[in-house]
Amino acid sequence: MKTNVTLKIDAGLLREARVFAAKQGSSISALLAAQLGKAVHERKRYDQARRRALARLKTGFDLSWTPPGTRDELHER
C-alpha cells in the first residue's frame, strides 16, 4: 500500500529535480522514494552492525595473553 506525502521545496529545486528525474527516466516521486528507502535501509544496517559490535564487546575477546613473569625472571641470565 502506498500513501501520498506532501513536500514543500523551493521552486528552483523542484525545477532541477524534474530535469534530473527526466534524465533518469523516472519521476520525482520514484526518485525520492528510492532515496528514502536507501537511507532507511542503510540506517537499519548500521543499527544491526552496532548491536553486533556492542554484543561482541560485552563478551570480550580472547587474546591468549599471559602476563609477563616477575622482573627477576625477565632479567634472569
N, C-alpha and C. Protein backbone atom coordinates (compact mmCIF):
# COMPACT_ATOMS: atom_id res chain seq x y z
N MET A 1 0.84 -1.18 0.00
CA MET A 1 0.00 0.00 0.00
C MET A 1 0.89 1.24 0.00
N LYS A 2 0.60 2.17 -0.85
CA LYS A 2 1.35 3.41 -0.93
C LYS A 2 0.49 4.56 -0.44
N THR A 3 1.14 5.54 0.17
CA THR A 3 0.46 6.70 0.72
C THR A 3 1.08 7.96 0.13
N ASN A 4 0.27 8.95 -0.14
CA ASN A 4 0.76 10.22 -0.64
C ASN A 4 1.33 11.05 0.50
N VAL A 5 2.37 11.83 0.16
CA VAL A 5 3.02 12.70 1.13
C VAL A 5 3.16 14.07 0.48
N THR A 6 2.92 15.12 1.25
CA THR A 6 3.10 16.48 0.75
C THR A 6 4.48 16.95 1.16
N LEU A 7 5.18 17.56 0.22
CA LEU A 7 6.55 18.01 0.46
C LEU A 7 6.68 19.45 -0.02
N LYS A 8 7.22 20.31 0.82
CA LYS A 8 7.43 21.70 0.43
C LYS A 8 8.90 21.89 0.13
N ILE A 9 9.18 22.28 -1.12
CA ILE A 9 10.56 22.56 -1.52
C ILE A 9 10.59 23.83 -2.36
N ASP A 10 11.74 24.39 -2.49
CA ASP A 10 11.95 25.60 -3.27
C ASP A 10 11.60 25.34 -4.74
N ALA A 11 11.02 26.33 -5.39
CA ALA A 11 10.59 26.19 -6.79
C ALA A 11 11.77 25.87 -7.71
N GLY A 12 12.91 26.49 -7.46
CA GLY A 12 14.11 26.23 -8.27
C GLY A 12 14.58 24.79 -8.13
N LEU A 13 14.53 24.30 -6.91
CA LEU A 13 14.93 22.91 -6.66
C LEU A 13 13.97 21.95 -7.35
N LEU A 14 12.69 22.27 -7.30
CA LEU A 14 11.70 21.42 -7.96
C LEU A 14 11.95 21.36 -9.47
N ARG A 15 12.27 22.50 -10.05
CA ARG A 15 12.54 22.56 -11.48
C ARG A 15 13.75 21.67 -11.83
N GLU A 16 14.81 21.79 -11.03
CA GLU A 16 16.01 20.98 -11.26
C GLU A 16 15.72 19.50 -11.02
N ALA A 17 14.90 19.21 -10.04
CA ALA A 17 14.55 17.82 -9.74
C ALA A 17 13.77 17.20 -10.90
N ARG A 18 12.89 17.98 -11.51
CA ARG A 18 12.13 17.47 -12.66
C ARG A 18 13.06 17.13 -13.82
N VAL A 19 14.03 18.00 -14.06
CA VAL A 19 15.01 17.74 -15.13
C VAL A 19 15.83 16.50 -14.80
N PHE A 20 16.29 16.42 -13.57
CA PHE A 20 17.09 15.27 -13.13
C PHE A 20 16.30 13.97 -13.28
N ALA A 21 15.07 13.98 -12.82
CA ALA A 21 14.22 12.79 -12.91
C ALA A 21 14.00 12.40 -14.37
N ALA A 22 13.76 13.39 -15.22
CA ALA A 22 13.53 13.10 -16.64
C ALA A 22 14.76 12.47 -17.26
N LYS A 23 15.95 12.97 -16.92
CA LYS A 23 17.19 12.39 -17.44
C LYS A 23 17.39 10.96 -16.97
N GLN A 24 16.87 10.66 -15.79
CA GLN A 24 16.98 9.30 -15.23
C GLN A 24 15.88 8.40 -15.75
N GLY A 25 14.92 8.97 -16.48
CA GLY A 25 13.78 8.20 -16.97
C GLY A 25 12.85 7.80 -15.83
N SER A 26 12.71 8.70 -14.87
CA SER A 26 11.92 8.39 -13.68
C SER A 26 11.07 9.60 -13.32
N SER A 27 10.30 9.44 -12.28
CA SER A 27 9.52 10.57 -11.75
C SER A 27 10.20 11.06 -10.48
N ILE A 28 9.84 12.27 -10.09
CA ILE A 28 10.38 12.80 -8.83
C ILE A 28 9.95 11.91 -7.68
N SER A 29 8.71 11.47 -7.71
CA SER A 29 8.19 10.61 -6.65
C SER A 29 9.00 9.32 -6.53
N ALA A 30 9.29 8.70 -7.67
CA ALA A 30 10.05 7.44 -7.66
C ALA A 30 11.47 7.67 -7.17
N LEU A 31 12.09 8.79 -7.60
CA LEU A 31 13.45 9.09 -7.15
C LEU A 31 13.49 9.32 -5.65
N LEU A 32 12.55 10.10 -5.13
CA LEU A 32 12.52 10.38 -3.69
C LEU A 32 12.24 9.11 -2.89
N ALA A 33 11.32 8.27 -3.39
CA ALA A 33 11.01 7.03 -2.70
C ALA A 33 12.23 6.12 -2.66
N ALA A 34 12.96 6.06 -3.76
CA ALA A 34 14.16 5.21 -3.81
C ALA A 34 15.22 5.73 -2.84
N GLN A 35 15.44 7.05 -2.84
CA GLN A 35 16.45 7.62 -1.95
C GLN A 35 16.07 7.45 -0.48
N LEU A 36 14.81 7.65 -0.17
CA LEU A 36 14.35 7.48 1.20
C LEU A 36 14.46 6.01 1.62
N GLY A 37 14.09 5.12 0.72
CA GLY A 37 14.23 3.69 1.01
C GLY A 37 15.67 3.30 1.26
N LYS A 38 16.58 3.86 0.46
CA LYS A 38 18.01 3.58 0.63
C LYS A 38 18.50 4.09 1.99
N ALA A 39 18.10 5.30 2.36
CA ALA A 39 18.51 5.88 3.64
C ALA A 39 18.01 5.05 4.81
N VAL A 40 16.76 4.61 4.75
CA VAL A 40 16.20 3.79 5.83
C VAL A 40 16.91 2.45 5.91
N HIS A 41 17.17 1.83 4.75
CA HIS A 41 17.86 0.54 4.72
C HIS A 41 19.27 0.66 5.30
N GLU A 42 20.00 1.72 4.91
CA GLU A 42 21.35 1.92 5.44
C GLU A 42 21.33 2.14 6.95
N ARG A 43 20.33 2.87 7.44
CA ARG A 43 20.23 3.10 8.88
C ARG A 43 19.97 1.80 9.63
N LYS A 44 19.10 0.94 9.05
CA LYS A 44 18.83 -0.35 9.68
C LYS A 44 20.09 -1.20 9.73
N ARG A 45 20.85 -1.22 8.62
CA ARG A 45 22.09 -2.00 8.59
C ARG A 45 23.09 -1.46 9.61
N TYR A 46 23.18 -0.13 9.74
CA TYR A 46 24.06 0.47 10.73
C TYR A 46 23.66 0.06 12.14
N ASP A 47 22.37 0.13 12.44
CA ASP A 47 21.89 -0.24 13.77
C ASP A 47 22.18 -1.71 14.07
N GLN A 48 22.00 -2.59 13.07
CA GLN A 48 22.29 -4.01 13.27
C GLN A 48 23.78 -4.22 13.52
N ALA A 49 24.63 -3.57 12.75
CA ALA A 49 26.08 -3.70 12.93
C ALA A 49 26.50 -3.18 14.29
N ARG A 50 25.89 -2.09 14.72
CA ARG A 50 26.22 -1.51 16.03
C ARG A 50 25.84 -2.48 17.15
N ARG A 51 24.64 -3.08 17.05
CA ARG A 51 24.23 -4.04 18.07
C ARG A 51 25.17 -5.24 18.12
N ARG A 52 25.58 -5.74 16.94
CA ARG A 52 26.51 -6.88 16.90
C ARG A 52 27.85 -6.51 17.53
N ALA A 53 28.35 -5.32 17.21
CA ALA A 53 29.64 -4.88 17.76
C ALA A 53 29.56 -4.73 19.27
N LEU A 54 28.48 -4.15 19.78
CA LEU A 54 28.35 -3.99 21.23
C LEU A 54 28.22 -5.34 21.92
N ALA A 55 27.53 -6.30 21.28
CA ALA A 55 27.42 -7.64 21.85
C ALA A 55 28.79 -8.30 21.93
N ARG A 56 29.60 -8.12 20.88
CA ARG A 56 30.95 -8.69 20.90
C ARG A 56 31.79 -8.06 22.00
N LEU A 57 31.63 -6.76 22.22
CA LEU A 57 32.40 -6.10 23.27
C LEU A 57 31.99 -6.60 24.65
N LYS A 58 30.70 -6.91 24.82
CA LYS A 58 30.25 -7.41 26.12
C LYS A 58 30.84 -8.77 26.44
N THR A 59 30.98 -9.62 25.41
CA THR A 59 31.54 -10.95 25.65
C THR A 59 33.06 -10.90 25.73
N GLY A 60 33.67 -9.90 25.15
CA GLY A 60 35.11 -9.75 25.21
C GLY A 60 35.80 -10.57 24.13
N PHE A 61 37.11 -10.37 24.04
CA PHE A 61 37.93 -11.07 23.07
C PHE A 61 38.99 -11.88 23.80
N ASP A 62 39.23 -13.09 23.33
CA ASP A 62 40.30 -13.90 23.90
C ASP A 62 41.57 -13.62 23.13
N LEU A 63 42.49 -12.90 23.75
CA LEU A 63 43.73 -12.53 23.10
C LEU A 63 44.86 -13.50 23.45
N SER A 64 44.55 -14.52 24.23
CA SER A 64 45.54 -15.51 24.66
C SER A 64 46.75 -14.84 25.28
N TRP A 65 46.51 -13.82 26.05
CA TRP A 65 47.59 -13.07 26.67
C TRP A 65 47.90 -13.65 28.04
N THR A 66 49.16 -13.80 28.32
CA THR A 66 49.59 -14.21 29.66
C THR A 66 50.49 -13.11 30.20
N PRO A 67 50.33 -12.78 31.44
CA PRO A 67 51.15 -11.70 31.99
C PRO A 67 52.62 -12.11 32.02
N PRO A 68 53.52 -11.16 31.85
CA PRO A 68 54.94 -11.49 31.90
C PRO A 68 55.34 -11.93 33.30
N GLY A 69 56.46 -12.59 33.36
CA GLY A 69 56.94 -13.06 34.66
C GLY A 69 57.40 -11.89 35.53
N THR A 70 57.98 -12.22 36.62
CA THR A 70 58.48 -11.17 37.51
C THR A 70 59.68 -10.50 36.88
N ARG A 71 60.09 -9.41 37.46
CA ARG A 71 61.25 -8.67 36.94
C ARG A 71 62.49 -9.56 36.96
N ASP A 72 62.64 -10.31 38.03
CA ASP A 72 63.81 -11.18 38.14
C ASP A 72 63.78 -12.27 37.07
N GLU A 73 62.62 -12.83 36.81
CA GLU A 73 62.52 -13.87 35.77
C GLU A 73 62.85 -13.30 34.38
N LEU A 74 62.41 -12.08 34.13
CA LEU A 74 62.66 -11.48 32.83
C LEU A 74 64.14 -11.16 32.61
N HIS A 75 64.84 -10.83 33.70
CA HIS A 75 66.26 -10.44 33.58
C HIS A 75 67.20 -11.57 34.00
N GLU A 76 66.68 -12.75 34.13
CA GLU A 76 67.50 -13.90 34.51
C GLU A 76 68.45 -14.24 33.37
N ARG A 77 69.69 -14.49 33.70
CA ARG A 77 70.68 -14.81 32.67
C ARG A 77 71.06 -16.24 32.73
